PDB file of N, CA and C in Angstrom:
ATOM      1  N   MET A   1      -9.632 -13.249  13.626  1.00  0.00           N
ATOM      2  CA  MET A   1      -9.267 -11.862  13.816  1.00  0.00           C
ATOM      3  C   MET A   1      -9.439 -11.626  12.502  1.00  0.00           C
ATOM      4  N   GLU A   2      -9.631  -9.296  12.047  1.00  0.00           N
ATOM      5  CA  GLU A   2     -10.064  -8.519  11.256  1.00  0.00           C
ATOM      6  C   GLU A   2      -8.608  -8.664  11.116  1.00  0.00           C
ATOM      7  N   SER A   3      -8.821  -8.084   9.531  1.00  0.00           N
ATOM      8  CA  SER A   3      -7.158  -7.767   9.555  1.00  0.00           C
ATOM      9  C   SER A   3      -6.716  -6.371   9.082  1.00  0.00           C
ATOM     10  N   ARG A   4      -5.823  -5.842   9.314  1.00  0.00           N
ATOM     11  CA  ARG A   4      -5.663  -4.425   9.301  1.00  0.00           C
ATOM     12  C   ARG A   4      -5.316  -4.141   8.211  1.00  0.00           C
ATOM     13  N   SER A   5      -5.104  -2.239   7.659  1.00  0.00           N
ATOM     14  CA  SER A   5      -4.427  -2.028   6.594  1.00  0.00           C
ATOM     15  C   SER A   5      -2.277  -2.277   6.787  1.00  0.00           C
ATOM     16  N   ILE A   6      -1.929  -2.991   5.577  1.00  0.00           N
ATOM     17  CA  ILE A   6      -0.541  -3.054   6.376  1.00  0.00           C
ATOM     18  C   ILE A   6      -0.433  -1.547   5.285  1.00  0.00           C
ATOM     19  N   ASN A   7       1.244  -1.125   5.910  1.00  0.00           N
ATOM     20  CA  ASN A   7       1.899  -0.415   4.781  1.00  0.00           C
ATOM     21  C   ASN A   7       2.497  -0.769   4.050  1.00  0.00           C
ATOM     22  N   GLU A   8       2.294  -0.664   2.789  1.00  0.00           N
ATOM     23  CA  GLU A   8       2.890  -0.953   1.973  1.00  0.00           C
ATOM     24  C   GLU A   8       4.091   0.539   1.339  1.00  0.00           C
ATOM     25  N   LEU A   9       5.395  -0.106   0.915  1.00  0.00           N
ATOM     26  CA  LEU A   9       6.530   0.529   0.775  1.00  0.00           C
ATOM     27  C   LEU A   9       7.292   0.422  -1.008  1.00  0.00           C
ATOM     28  N   ASN A  10       7.187   1.948  -1.378  1.00  0.00           N
ATOM     29  CA  ASN A  10       8.161   1.463  -2.862  1.00  0.00           C
ATOM     30  C   ASN A  10       9.482   1.180  -3.405  1.00  0.00           C
ATOM     31  N   TYR A  11       9.415   1.870  -4.451  1.00  0.00           N
ATOM     32  CA  TYR A  11      11.101   0.732  -4.323  1.00  0.00           C
ATOM     33  C   TYR A  11      12.062   1.667  -3.633  1.00  0.00           C
ATOM     34  N   GLU A  12      11.552   3.305  -4.110  1.00  0.00           N
ATOM     35  CA  GLU A  12      12.402   4.297  -3.385  1.00  0.00           C
ATOM     36  C   GLU A  12      12.529   3.934  -1.651  1.00  0.00           C
ATOM     37  N   GLN A  13      11.576   3.740  -1.005  1.00  0.00           N
ATOM     38  CA  GLN A  13      12.127   3.378   0.670  1.00  0.00           C
ATOM     39  C   GLN A  13      12.413   2.521   0.809  1.00  0.00           C
ATOM     40  N   VAL A  14      12.272   0.933  -0.314  1.00  0.00           N
ATOM     41  CA  VAL A  14      13.007   0.238   0.061  1.00  0.00           C
ATOM     42  C   VAL A  14      14.603   0.540  -0.346  1.00  0.00           C
ATOM     43  N   GLN A  15      15.059   0.910  -1.080  1.00  0.00           N
ATOM     44  CA  GLN A  15      16.804   1.153  -1.377  1.00  0.00           C
ATOM     45  C   GLN A  15      16.646   2.459   0.102  1.00  0.00           C
ATOM     46  N   ASP A  16      15.932   3.339   0.185  1.00  0.00           N
ATOM     47  CA  ASP A  16      16.569   4.164   1.658  1.00  0.00           C
ATOM     48  C   ASP A  16      16.601   2.928   2.791  1.00  0.00           C
ATOM     49  N   ILE A  17      15.956   2.036   3.167  1.00  0.00           N
ATOM     50  CA  ILE A  17      16.113   1.125   3.776  1.00  0.00           C
ATOM     51  C   ILE A  17      17.318   0.169   3.532  1.00  0.00           C
ATOM     52  N   ILE A  18      17.302  -0.605   2.624  1.00  0.00           N
ATOM     53  CA  ILE A  18      19.016  -1.296   2.495  1.00  0.00           C
ATOM     54  C   ILE A  18      19.505  -0.749   2.568  1.00  0.00           C
ATOM     55  N   ASN A  19      19.649   0.989   2.143  1.00  0.00           N
ATOM     56  CA  ASN A  19      21.434   1.766   2.212  1.00  0.00           C
ATOM     57  C   ASN A  19      21.358   2.814   3.544  1.00  0.00           C
ATOM     58  N   LYS A  20      20.559   1.857   3.832  1.00  0.00           N
ATOM     59  CA  LYS A  20      20.521   2.657   6.181  1.00  0.00           C
ATOM     60  C   LYS A  20      20.217   4.085   6.056  1.00  0.00           C
ATOM     61  N   LYS A  21      19.662   4.914   4.317  1.00  0.00           N
ATOM     62  CA  LYS A  21      19.303   5.860   4.280  1.00  0.00           C
ATOM     63  C   LYS A  21      18.006   6.216   5.067  1.00  0.00           C
ATOM     64  N   THR A  22      17.145   5.356   5.534  1.00  0.00           N
ATOM     65  CA  THR A  22      16.535   5.025   6.474  1.00  0.00           C
ATOM     66  C   THR A  22      16.192   5.042   8.010  1.00  0.00           C
ATOM     67  N   PRO A  23      16.292   5.492   9.140  1.00  0.00           N
ATOM     68  CA  PRO A  23      17.100   4.704  10.140  1.00  0.00           C
ATOM     69  C   PRO A  23      15.494   3.472  10.671  1.00  0.00           C
ATOM     70  N   MET A  24      15.821   2.786  10.151  1.00  0.00           N
ATOM     71  CA  MET A  24      14.536   2.077  10.457  1.00  0.00           C
ATOM     72  C   MET A  24      15.778  -0.208  10.626  1.00  0.00           C
ATOM     73  N   ASN A  25      15.103  -0.571  11.945  1.00  0.00           N
ATOM     74  CA  ASN A  25      15.204  -1.588  11.537  1.00  0.00           C
ATOM     75  C   ASN A  25      13.940  -2.541  11.293  1.00  0.00           C
ATOM     76  N   ALA A  26      14.926  -3.062  10.322  1.00  0.00           N
ATOM     77  CA  ALA A  26      14.254  -4.292   9.065  1.00  0.00           C
ATOM     78  C   ALA A  26      14.711  -5.348   8.575  1.00  0.00           C
ATOM     79  N   ILE A  27      13.639  -6.344   8.861  1.00  0.00           N
ATOM     80  CA  ILE A  27      13.735  -7.795   8.185  1.00  0.00           C
ATOM     81  C   ILE A  27      13.217  -7.617   6.860  1.00  0.00           C
ATOM     82  N   PHE A  28      13.680  -7.956   6.090  1.00  0.00           N
ATOM     83  CA  PHE A  28      12.877  -8.708   4.814  1.00  0.00           C
ATOM     84  C   PHE A  28      12.886  -9.484   4.304  1.00  0.00           C
ATOM     85  N   ILE A  29      11.627 -10.546   4.173  1.00  0.00           N
ATOM     86  CA  ILE A  29      11.533 -11.992   4.376  1.00  0.00           C
ATOM     87  C   ILE A  29      11.026 -11.692   3.253  1.00  0.00           C
ATOM     88  N   ASP A  30      11.501 -12.579   1.995  1.00  0.00           N
ATOM     89  CA  ASP A  30      10.847 -13.325   0.543  1.00  0.00           C
ATOM     90  C   ASP A  30       9.900 -14.214   0.955  1.00  0.00           C
ATOM     91  N   VAL A  31       9.028 -14.417   0.997  1.00  0.00           N
ATOM     92  CA  VAL A  31       8.042 -15.471   0.455  1.00  0.00           C
ATOM     93  C   VAL A  31       7.444 -16.031  -0.393  1.00  0.00           C
ATOM     94  N   ARG A  32       8.804 -16.492  -1.586  1.00  0.00           N
ATOM     95  CA  ARG A  32       8.872 -16.883  -2.699  1.00  0.00           C
ATOM     96  C   ARG A  32       9.184 -18.185  -2.701  1.00  0.00           C
ATOM     97  N   GLY A  33       9.298 -18.729  -3.454  1.00  0.00           N
ATOM     98  CA  GLY A  33       9.844 -20.329  -3.134  1.00  0.00           C
ATOM     99  C   GLY A  33      11.994 -20.074  -2.940  1.00  0.00           C
ATOM    100  N   PRO A  34      12.127 -21.204  -2.457  1.00  0.00           N
ATOM    101  CA  PRO A  34      13.253 -22.015  -2.177  1.00  0.00           C
ATOM    102  C   PRO A  34      14.187 -21.451  -4.169  1.00  0.00           C
ATOM    103  N   ASP A  35      13.917 -22.145  -4.975  1.00  0.00           N
ATOM    104  CA  ASP A  35      14.194 -21.503  -6.375  1.00  0.00           C
ATOM    105  C   ASP A  35      14.765 -19.657  -6.541  1.00  0.00           C
ATOM    106  N   GLU A  36      13.108 -19.896  -7.267  1.00  0.00           N
ATOM    107  CA  GLU A  36      13.188 -18.285  -7.425  1.00  0.00           C
ATOM    108  C   GLU A  36      13.991 -17.243  -5.669  1.00  0.00           C
ATOM    109  N   TYR A  37      14.125 -17.056  -4.809  1.00  0.00           N
ATOM    110  CA  TYR A  37      14.741 -16.460  -3.891  1.00  0.00           C
ATOM    111  C   TYR A  37      15.956 -17.220  -4.557  1.00  0.00           C
ATOM    112  N   SER A  38      16.583 -18.693  -3.936  1.00  0.00           N
ATOM    113  CA  SER A  38      18.271 -18.627  -4.880  1.00  0.00           C
ATOM    114  C   SER A  38      18.504 -17.797  -6.573  1.00  0.00           C
ATOM    115  N   ALA A  39      17.533 -17.203  -7.484  1.00  0.00           N
ATOM    116  CA  ALA A  39      17.957 -17.068  -8.395  1.00  0.00           C
ATOM    117  C   ALA A  39      18.226 -16.033  -8.450  1.00  0.00           C
ATOM    118  N   GLY A  40      17.638 -14.875  -7.257  1.00  0.00           N
ATOM    119  CA  GLY A  40      17.679 -13.405  -6.866  1.00  0.00           C
ATOM    120  C   GLY A  40      16.887 -13.576  -5.576  1.00  0.00           C
ATOM    121  N   HIS A  41      17.736 -12.321  -5.306  1.00  0.00           N
ATOM    122  CA  HIS A  41      16.673 -11.509  -3.881  1.00  0.00           C
ATOM    123  C   HIS A  41      17.001 -10.381  -3.316  1.00  0.00           C
ATOM    124  N   ILE A  42      16.448  -9.498  -2.931  1.00  0.00           N
ATOM    125  CA  ILE A  42      16.763  -8.277  -2.750  1.00  0.00           C
ATOM    126  C   ILE A  42      18.349  -8.468  -1.129  1.00  0.00           C
ATOM    127  N   PRO A  43      18.841  -7.747  -0.994  1.00  0.00           N
ATOM    128  CA  PRO A  43      19.955  -8.213  -0.194  1.00  0.00           C
ATOM    129  C   PRO A  43      20.159  -7.940   0.602  1.00  0.00           C
ATOM    130  N   GLY A  44      20.223  -8.855   1.213  1.00  0.00           N
ATOM    131  CA  GLY A  44      19.876  -9.355   3.196  1.00  0.00           C
ATOM    132  C   GLY A  44      18.680 -10.099   3.281  1.00  0.00           C
ATOM    133  N   ALA A  45      17.734 -10.241   2.233  1.00  0.00           N
ATOM    134  CA  ALA A  45      16.757 -10.758   2.380  1.00  0.00           C
ATOM    135  C   ALA A  45      16.599 -12.025   3.026  1.00  0.00           C
ATOM    136  N   TYR A  46      16.092 -12.664   3.691  1.00  0.00           N
ATOM    137  CA  TYR A  46      15.873 -14.113   4.142  1.00  0.00           C
ATOM    138  C   TYR A  46      14.461 -14.853   3.905  1.00  0.00           C
ATOM    139  N   ASN A  47      14.817 -16.137   3.480  1.00  0.00           N
ATOM    140  CA  ASN A  47      13.916 -16.735   2.973  1.00  0.00           C
ATOM    141  C   ASN A  47      12.534 -17.822   3.821  1.00  0.00           C
ATOM    142  N   VAL A  48      11.357 -17.347   3.287  1.00  0.00           N
ATOM    143  CA  VAL A  48      10.611 -17.943   3.796  1.00  0.00           C
ATOM    144  C   VAL A  48       9.600 -18.207   3.720  1.00  0.00           C
ATOM    145  N   PRO A  49       9.295 -19.655   2.690  1.00  0.00           N
ATOM    146  CA  PRO A  49       8.186 -19.910   1.498  1.00  0.00           C
ATOM    147  C   PRO A  49       7.183 -19.201   2.014  1.00  0.00           C
ATOM    148  N   LEU A  50       5.921 -19.046   0.886  1.00  0.00           N
ATOM    149  CA  LEU A  50       4.117 -18.549   1.776  1.00  0.00           C
ATOM    150  C   LEU A  50       3.881 -19.845   2.586  1.00  0.00           C
ATOM    151  N   ASP A  51       4.047 -21.417   1.982  1.00  0.00           N
ATOM    152  CA  ASP A  51       3.636 -22.296   1.816  1.00  0.00           C
ATOM    153  C   ASP A  51       4.058 -22.757   3.524  1.00  0.00           C
ATOM    154  N   THR A  52       5.169 -22.468   4.193  1.00  0.00           N
ATOM    155  CA  THR A  52       5.125 -22.199   5.542  1.00  0.00           C
ATOM    156  C   THR A  52       5.256 -21.328   6.382  1.00  0.00           C
ATOM    157  N   VAL A  53       5.129 -20.425   6.109  1.00  0.00           N
ATOM    158  CA  VAL A  53       5.069 -19.061   7.058  1.00  0.00           C
ATOM    159  C   VAL A  53       4.524 -19.480   8.953  1.00  0.00           C
ATOM    160  N   ASP A  54       2.701 -19.674   8.077  1.00  0.00           N
ATOM    161  CA  ASP A  54       2.416 -20.324   8.992  1.00  0.00           C
ATOM    162  C   ASP A  54       2.924 -21.014  10.328  1.00  0.00           C
ATOM    163  N   SER A  55       3.752 -22.242  10.126  1.00  0.00           N
ATOM    164  CA  SER A  55       4.343 -23.072  10.917  1.00  0.00           C
ATOM    165  C   SER A  55       5.339 -22.504  11.721  1.00  0.00           C
ATOM    166  N   ALA A  56       6.419 -21.874  10.571  1.00  0.00           N
ATOM    167  CA  ALA A  56       7.631 -21.321  10.845  1.00  0.00           C
ATOM    168  C   ALA A  56       7.093 -20.168  11.604  1.00  0.00           C
ATOM    169  N   PHE A  57       6.228 -18.901  12.524  1.00  0.00           N
ATOM    170  CA  PHE A  57       6.085 -18.385  12.949  1.00  0.00           C
ATOM    171  C   PHE A  57       5.166 -18.799  13.875  1.00  0.00           C
ATOM    172  N   LYS A  58       4.193 -19.878  14.253  1.00  0.00           N
ATOM    173  CA  LYS A  58       3.894 -20.878  15.386  1.00  0.00           C
ATOM    174  C   LYS A  58       4.667 -21.224  15.848  1.00  0.00           C
ATOM    175  N   SER A  59       6.106 -22.076  15.180  1.00  0.00           N
ATOM    176  CA  SER A  59       7.129 -22.558  15.637  1.00  0.00           C
ATOM    177  C   SER A  59       7.941 -21.591  17.488  1.00  0.00           C
ATOM    178  N   SER A  60       8.295 -22.516  18.032  1.00  0.00           N
ATOM    179  CA  SER A  60       9.552 -22.120  18.694  1.00  0.00           C
ATOM    180  C   SER A  60      10.363 -20.987  18.433  1.00  0.00           C
ATOM    181  N   SER A  61      10.894 -20.364  18.858  1.00  0.00           N
ATOM    182  CA  SER A  61      12.039 -19.490  18.769  1.00  0.00           C
ATOM    183  C   SER A  61      13.170 -20.356  17.912  1.00  0.00           C
ATOM    184  N   ALA A  62      13.493 -21.606  18.803  1.00  0.00           N
ATOM    185  CA  ALA A  62      14.339 -22.089  18.070  1.00  0.00           C
ATOM    186  C   ALA A  62      14.767 -22.674  17.242  1.00  0.00           C
ATOM    187  N   ASP A  63      13.044 -23.334  17.382  1.00  0.00           N
ATOM    188  CA  ASP A  63      13.215 -24.165  16.118  1.00  0.00           C
ATOM    189  C   ASP A  63      12.904 -23.518  14.615  1.00  0.00           C
ATOM    190  N   PHE A  64      12.561 -21.694  14.717  1.00  0.00           N
ATOM    191  CA  PHE A  64      12.440 -21.057  13.813  1.00  0.00           C
ATOM    192  C   PHE A  64      13.696 -20.693  13.626  1.00  0.00           C
ATOM    193  N   GLU A  65      14.809 -20.319  14.537  1.00  0.00           N
ATOM    194  CA  GLU A  65      15.706 -20.323  14.274  1.00  0.00           C
ATOM    195  C   GLU A  65      17.083 -21.388  13.425  1.00  0.00           C
ATOM    196  N   SER A  66      16.591 -22.152  13.978  1.00  0.00           N
ATOM    197  CA  SER A  66      17.245 -23.685  13.248  1.00  0.00           C
ATOM    198  C   SER A  66      16.615 -23.935  11.510  1.00  0.00           C
ATOM    199  N   SER A  67      15.587 -23.620  11.287  1.00  0.00           N
ATOM    200  CA  SER A  67      15.142 -23.724   9.749  1.00  0.00           C
ATOM    201  C   SER A  67      15.844 -22.807   8.834  1.00  0.00           C
ATOM    202  N   TYR A  68      15.193 -21.957   9.368  1.00  0.00           N
ATOM    203  CA  TYR A  68      15.249 -20.474   8.701  1.00  0.00           C
ATOM    204  C   TYR A  68      16.748 -19.602   9.036  1.00  0.00           C
ATOM    205  N   LYS A  69      17.422 -19.863   9.224  1.00  0.00           N
ATOM    206  CA  LYS A  69      19.210 -19.255   9.651  1.00  0.00           C
ATOM    207  C   LYS A  69      18.851 -17.412  10.315  1.00  0.00           C
ATOM    208  N   PHE A  70      17.544 -17.241  10.446  1.00  0.00           N
ATOM    209  CA  PHE A  70      18.121 -15.529  11.418  1.00  0.00           C
ATOM    210  C   PHE A  70      16.447 -15.809  12.279  1.00  0.00           C
ATOM    211  N   LYS A  71      17.071 -15.040  13.186  1.00  0.00           N
ATOM    212  CA  LYS A  71      16.127 -14.792  14.444  1.00  0.00           C
ATOM    213  C   LYS A  71      14.651 -14.709  14.061  1.00  0.00           C
ATOM    214  N   LYS A  72      13.959 -15.552  15.271  1.00  0.00           N
ATOM    215  CA  LYS A  72      12.310 -15.278  14.874  1.00  0.00           C
ATOM    216  C   LYS A  72      11.854 -13.772  15.575  1.00  0.00           C
ATOM    217  N   PRO A  73      11.289 -12.725  14.500  1.00  0.00           N
ATOM    218  CA  PRO A  73      10.719 -11.577  15.037  1.00  0.00           C
ATOM    219  C   PRO A  73       9.626 -11.948  15.411  1.00  0.00           C
ATOM    220  N   THR A  74       9.457 -10.258  16.803  1.00  0.00           N
ATOM    221  CA  THR A  74       9.099 -10.709  17.385  1.00  0.00           C
ATOM    222  C   THR A  74       7.605  -9.936  17.677  1.00  0.00           C
ATOM    223  N   PRO A  75       6.227 -10.676  17.500  1.00  0.00           N
ATOM    224  CA  PRO A  75       4.963 -10.100  17.117  1.00  0.00           C
ATOM    225  C   PRO A  75       5.027  -7.774  18.007  1.00  0.00           C
ATOM    226  N   ASN A  76       4.680  -7.439  16.880  1.00  0.00           N
ATOM    227  CA  ASN A  76       4.214  -6.017  17.218  1.00  0.00           C
ATOM    228  C   ASN A  76       5.898  -5.362  17.847  1.00  0.00           C
ATOM    229  N   ASP A  77       7.102  -5.446  17.561  1.00  0.00           N
ATOM    230  CA  ASP A  77       7.846  -5.125  18.223  1.00  0.00           C
ATOM    231  C   ASP A  77       8.515  -3.792  17.153  1.00  0.00           C
ATOM    232  N   LYS A  78       8.105  -2.724  17.791  1.00  0.00           N
ATOM    233  CA  LYS A  78       8.715  -1.686  16.471  1.00  0.00           C
ATOM    234  C   LYS A  78       9.896  -1.123  16.803  1.00  0.00           C
ATOM    235  N   ASN A  79      10.991  -1.762  17.131  1.00  0.00           N
ATOM    236  CA  ASN A  79      11.913  -1.681  16.480  1.00  0.00           C
ATOM    237  C   ASN A  79      12.525  -2.986  15.833  1.00  0.00           C
ATOM    238  N   SER A  80      11.952  -3.207  15.136  1.00  0.00           N
ATOM    239  CA  SER A  80      12.105  -4.500  14.176  1.00  0.00           C
ATOM    240  C   SER A  80      10.924  -5.172  13.355  1.00  0.00           C
ATOM    241  N   ASN A  81      10.937  -4.604  12.214  1.00  0.00           N
ATOM    242  CA  ASN A  81       9.587  -3.862  11.514  1.00  0.00           C
ATOM    243  C   ASN A  81      10.021  -5.642  10.729  1.00  0.00           C
ATOM    244  N   ILE A  82       9.218  -6.078   9.900  1.00  0.00           N
ATOM    245  CA  ILE A  82       8.693  -7.396   9.390  1.00  0.00           C
ATOM    246  C   ILE A  82       8.401  -6.453   7.526  1.00  0.00           C
ATOM    247  N   ILE A  83       9.161  -6.708   6.913  1.00  0.00           N
ATOM    248  CA  ILE A  83       8.733  -6.656   5.219  1.00  0.00           C
ATOM    249  C   ILE A  83       8.780  -7.552   4.409  1.00  0.00           C
ATOM    250  N   LEU A  84       7.851  -7.351   3.628  1.00  0.00           N
ATOM    251  CA  LEU A  84       7.107  -9.224   3.176  1.00  0.00           C
ATOM    252  C   LEU A  84       7.220  -9.199   1.881  1.00  0.00           C
ATOM    253  N   TYR A  85       7.495  -9.741   0.936  1.00  0.00           N
ATOM    254  CA  TYR A  85       7.572  -9.356  -0.289  1.00  0.00           C
ATOM    255  C   TYR A  85       8.243 -10.456  -1.032  1.00  0.00           C
ATOM    256  N   CYS A  86       7.206 -10.869  -2.441  1.00  0.00           N
ATOM    257  CA  CYS A  86       6.944 -11.706  -3.278  1.00  0.00           C
ATOM    258  C   CYS A  86       7.722 -11.167  -4.498  1.00  0.00           C
ATOM    259  N   GLN A  87       7.688 -11.974  -6.080  1.00  0.00           N
ATOM    260  CA  GLN A  87       7.159 -10.802  -6.355  1.00  0.00           C
ATOM    261  C   GLN A  87       6.540 -10.540  -7.510  1.00  0.00           C
ATOM    262  N   LYS A  88       5.270 -10.288  -7.193  1.00  0.00           N
ATOM    263  CA  LYS A  88       4.865  -8.717  -7.858  1.00  0.00           C
ATOM    264  C   LYS A  88       3.011  -9.345  -6.266  1.00  0.00           C
ATOM    265  N   GLY A  89       3.506  -9.599  -5.408  1.00  0.00           N
ATOM    266  CA  GLY A  89       2.546  -8.891  -4.620  1.00  0.00           C
ATOM    267  C   GLY A  89       1.428 -10.154  -3.863  1.00  0.00           C
ATOM    268  N   MET A  90       1.030 -10.830  -4.730  1.00  0.00           N
ATOM    269  CA  MET A  90       0.096 -11.985  -4.451  1.00  0.00           C
ATOM    270  C   MET A  90       0.459 -12.299  -3.437  1.00  0.00           C
ATOM    271  N   ARG A  91       1.871 -13.208  -3.566  1.00  0.00           N
ATOM    272  CA  ARG A  91       1.783 -14.116  -1.565  1.00  0.00           C
ATOM    273  C   ARG A  91       2.245 -13.596  -0.595  1.00  0.00           C
ATOM    274  N   SER A  92       3.010 -12.237  -1.073  1.00  0.00           N
ATOM    275  CA  SER A  92       3.634 -11.489  -0.052  1.00  0.00           C
ATOM    276  C   SER A  92       2.082 -11.022   1.461  1.00  0.00           C
ATOM    277  N   ARG A  93       0.519 -10.667   0.087  1.00  0.00           N
ATOM    278  CA  ARG A  93       0.078 -10.027   1.040  1.00  0.00           C
ATOM    279  C   ARG A  93      -0.734 -11.739   1.342  1.00  0.00           C
ATOM    280  N   LYS A  94      -1.418 -12.967   0.677  1.00  0.00           N
ATOM    281  CA  LYS A  94      -1.481 -13.837   1.603  1.00  0.00           C
ATOM    282  C   LYS A  94      -0.145 -14.298   3.486  1.00  0.00           C
ATOM    283  N   ALA A  95       0.806 -13.715   2.719  1.00  0.00           N
ATOM    284  CA  ALA A  95       1.677 -13.998   4.140  1.00  0.00           C
ATOM    285  C   ALA A  95       1.332 -13.173   4.969  1.00  0.00           C
ATOM    286  N   ALA A  96       1.165 -11.821   4.715  1.00  0.00           N
ATOM    287  CA  ALA A  96       0.669 -11.030   5.942  1.00  0.00           C
ATOM    288  C   ALA A  96      -0.327 -11.463   6.266  1.00  0.00           C
ATOM    289  N   LYS A  97      -1.860 -11.636   5.728  1.00  0.00           N
ATOM    290  CA  LYS A  97      -2.476 -11.813   6.539  1.00  0.00           C
ATOM    291  C   LYS A  97      -2.098 -13.100   7.655  1.00  0.00           C
ATOM    292  N   ILE A  98      -2.119 -14.298   7.019  1.00  0.00           N
ATOM    293  CA  ILE A  98      -1.476 -15.355   7.855  1.00  0.00           C
ATOM    294  C   ILE A  98      -0.744 -14.273   9.476  1.00  0.00           C
ATOM    295  N   LEU A  99      -0.259 -13.689   9.237  1.00  0.00           N
ATOM    296  CA  LEU A  99       0.746 -13.664  10.344  1.00  0.00           C
ATOM    297  C   LEU A  99       0.339 -12.535  11.039  1.00  0.00           C
ATOM    298  N   GLN A 100      -0.887 -11.801  11.029  1.00  0.00           N
ATOM    299  CA  GLN A 100      -1.788 -10.645  11.343  1.00  0.00           C
ATOM    300  C   GLN A 100      -2.527 -11.377  11.833  1.00  0.00           C
ATOM    301  N   ASP A 101      -3.038 -12.367  11.312  1.00  0.00           N
ATOM    302  CA  ASP A 101      -3.724 -13.886  11.990  1.00  0.00           C
ATOM    303  C   ASP A 101      -2.957 -14.455  13.459  1.00  0.00           C
ATOM    304  N   ILE A 102      -2.093 -14.413  13.790  1.00  0.00           N
ATOM    305  CA  ILE A 102      -1.464 -15.181  14.570  1.00  0.00           C
ATOM    306  C   ILE A 102      -0.634 -13.463  15.444  1.00  0.00           C
ATOM    307  N   GLY A 103      -1.282 -12.430  15.335  1.00  0.00           N
ATOM    308  CA  GLY A 103      -0.601 -11.413  16.143  1.00  0.00           C
ATOM    309  C   GLY A 103       0.561 -10.770  15.678  1.00  0.00           C
ATOM    310  N   TYR A 104       0.546 -10.477  14.207  1.00  0.00           N
ATOM    311  CA  TYR A 104       1.737  -9.851  13.942  1.00  0.00           C
ATOM    312  C   TYR A 104       0.815  -8.215  13.335  1.00  0.00           C
ATOM    313  N   THR A 105       0.493  -7.924  14.316  1.00  0.00           N
ATOM    314  CA  THR A 105      -0.404  -6.455  13.620  1.00  0.00           C
ATOM    315  C   THR A 105       0.463  -5.211  12.981  1.00  0.00           C
ATOM    316  N   GLU A 106       1.466  -5.115  14.419  1.00  0.00           N
ATOM    317  CA  GLU A 106       1.946  -3.257  14.003  1.00  0.00           C
ATOM    318  C   GLU A 106       3.166  -2.950  13.527  1.00  0.00           C
ATOM    319  N   ASN A 107       4.521  -4.458  13.700  1.00  0.00           N
ATOM    320  CA  ASN A 107       5.456  -4.351  12.920  1.00  0.00           C
ATOM    321  C   ASN A 107       5.362  -5.170  10.892  1.00  0.00           C
ATOM    322  N   LEU A 108       4.110  -4.913  11.122  1.00  0.00           N
ATOM    323  CA  LEU A 108       4.792  -5.613   9.535  1.00  0.00           C
ATOM    324  C   LEU A 108       4.328  -4.601   7.895  1.00  0.00           C
ATOM    325  N   LEU A 109       4.979  -4.512   7.035  1.00  0.00           N
ATOM    326  CA  LEU A 109       5.041  -3.600   6.282  1.00  0.00           C
ATOM    327  C   LEU A 109       5.184  -4.385   4.921  1.00  0.00           C
ATOM    328  N   LEU A 110       4.709  -3.883   3.479  1.00  0.00           N
ATOM    329  CA  LEU A 110       4.712  -4.691   2.552  1.00  0.00           C
ATOM    330  C   LEU A 110       5.197  -3.964   1.278  1.00  0.00           C
ATOM    331  N   TYR A 111       6.403  -4.848   0.291  1.00  0.00           N
ATOM    332  CA  TYR A 111       7.002  -4.160  -0.401  1.00  0.00           C
ATOM    333  C   TYR A 111       5.850  -4.904  -1.818  1.00  0.00           C
ATOM    334  N   PRO A 112       5.131  -4.469  -2.283  1.00  0.00           N
ATOM    335  CA  PRO A 112       3.710  -5.257  -3.385  1.00  0.00           C
ATOM    336  C   PRO A 112       4.250  -4.877  -4.503  1.00  0.00           C
ATOM    337  N   ASN A 113       5.619  -4.660  -4.733  1.00  0.00           N
ATOM    338  CA  ASN A 113       5.843  -4.505  -6.592  1.00  0.00           C
ATOM    339  C   ASN A 113       6.866  -5.772  -6.022  1.00  0.00           C
ATOM    340  N   GLY A 114       7.517  -5.613  -4.967  1.00  0.00           N
ATOM    341  CA  GLY A 114       8.333  -6.521  -5.140  1.00  0.00           C
ATOM    342  C   GLY A 114      10.056  -7.483  -5.808  1.00  0.00           C
ATOM    343  N   TYR A 115      10.175  -8.418  -6.315  1.00  0.00           N
ATOM    344  CA  TYR A 115      11.169  -8.530  -6.920  1.00  0.00           C
ATOM    345  C   TYR A 115      10.841  -8.984  -8.329  1.00  0.00           C
ATOM    346  N   GLY A 116       9.244  -8.540  -8.678  1.00  0.00           N
ATOM    347  CA  GLY A 116       9.614  -7.750 -10.153  1.00  0.00           C
ATOM    348  C   GLY A 116       9.954  -7.152 -10.065  1.00  0.00           C
ATOM    349  N   GLU A 117       9.881  -5.520  -9.555  1.00  0.00           N
ATOM    350  CA  GLU A 117      10.107  -4.506  -9.880  1.00  0.00           C
ATOM    351  C   GLU A 117      11.999  -4.213  -9.019  1.00  0.00           C
ATOM    352  N   TYR A 118      12.572  -5.048  -8.385  1.00  0.00           N
ATOM    353  CA  TYR A 118      13.714  -4.534  -7.864  1.00  0.00           C
ATOM    354  C   TYR A 118      14.563  -4.936  -8.121  1.00  0.00           C
ATOM    355  N   GLY A 119      14.652  -6.615  -8.903  1.00  0.00           N
ATOM    356  CA  GLY A 119      14.975  -7.315 -10.003  1.00  0.00           C
ATOM    357  C   GLY A 119      15.064  -6.788 -11.327  1.00  0.00           C
ATOM    358  N   GLN A 120      14.217  -5.707 -11.770  1.00  0.00           N
ATOM    359  CA  GLN A 120      14.176  -5.001 -12.932  1.00  0.00           C
ATOM    360  C   GLN A 120      15.287  -3.318 -12.702  1.00  0.00           C
ATOM    361  N   LYS A 121      15.385  -3.297 -11.768  1.00  0.00           N
ATOM    362  CA  LYS A 121      16.307  -1.620 -11.506  1.00  0.00           C
ATOM    363  C   LYS A 121      17.682  -2.038 -11.345  1.00  0.00           C
TER     364      LYS A 121
END
């Protein structure tokens, strides 16, 4: 499947979403490892490590929710955007490609500067 470009967010846009200044239903997914996530993450973000993204999003909704403790996002649901981030953007881009390949093409966003930037501000 051909990869589509993904809209990228900057720090100010992420802050506006978190602070509800931008009306958007969004789920922040941190694709770093569990240790990195535990050391600090964007408020409200869920952890789905990169090495589990493919199997996680191919699993049933019930299995996904049981493993990750949040409702599995629906592909291409304009009312529920998925914002992927990691430390510096490499893993989140890989996760985005995986999700695109399994049908998440319309509701993906990237915060490429990730926690490396967020944690510094």
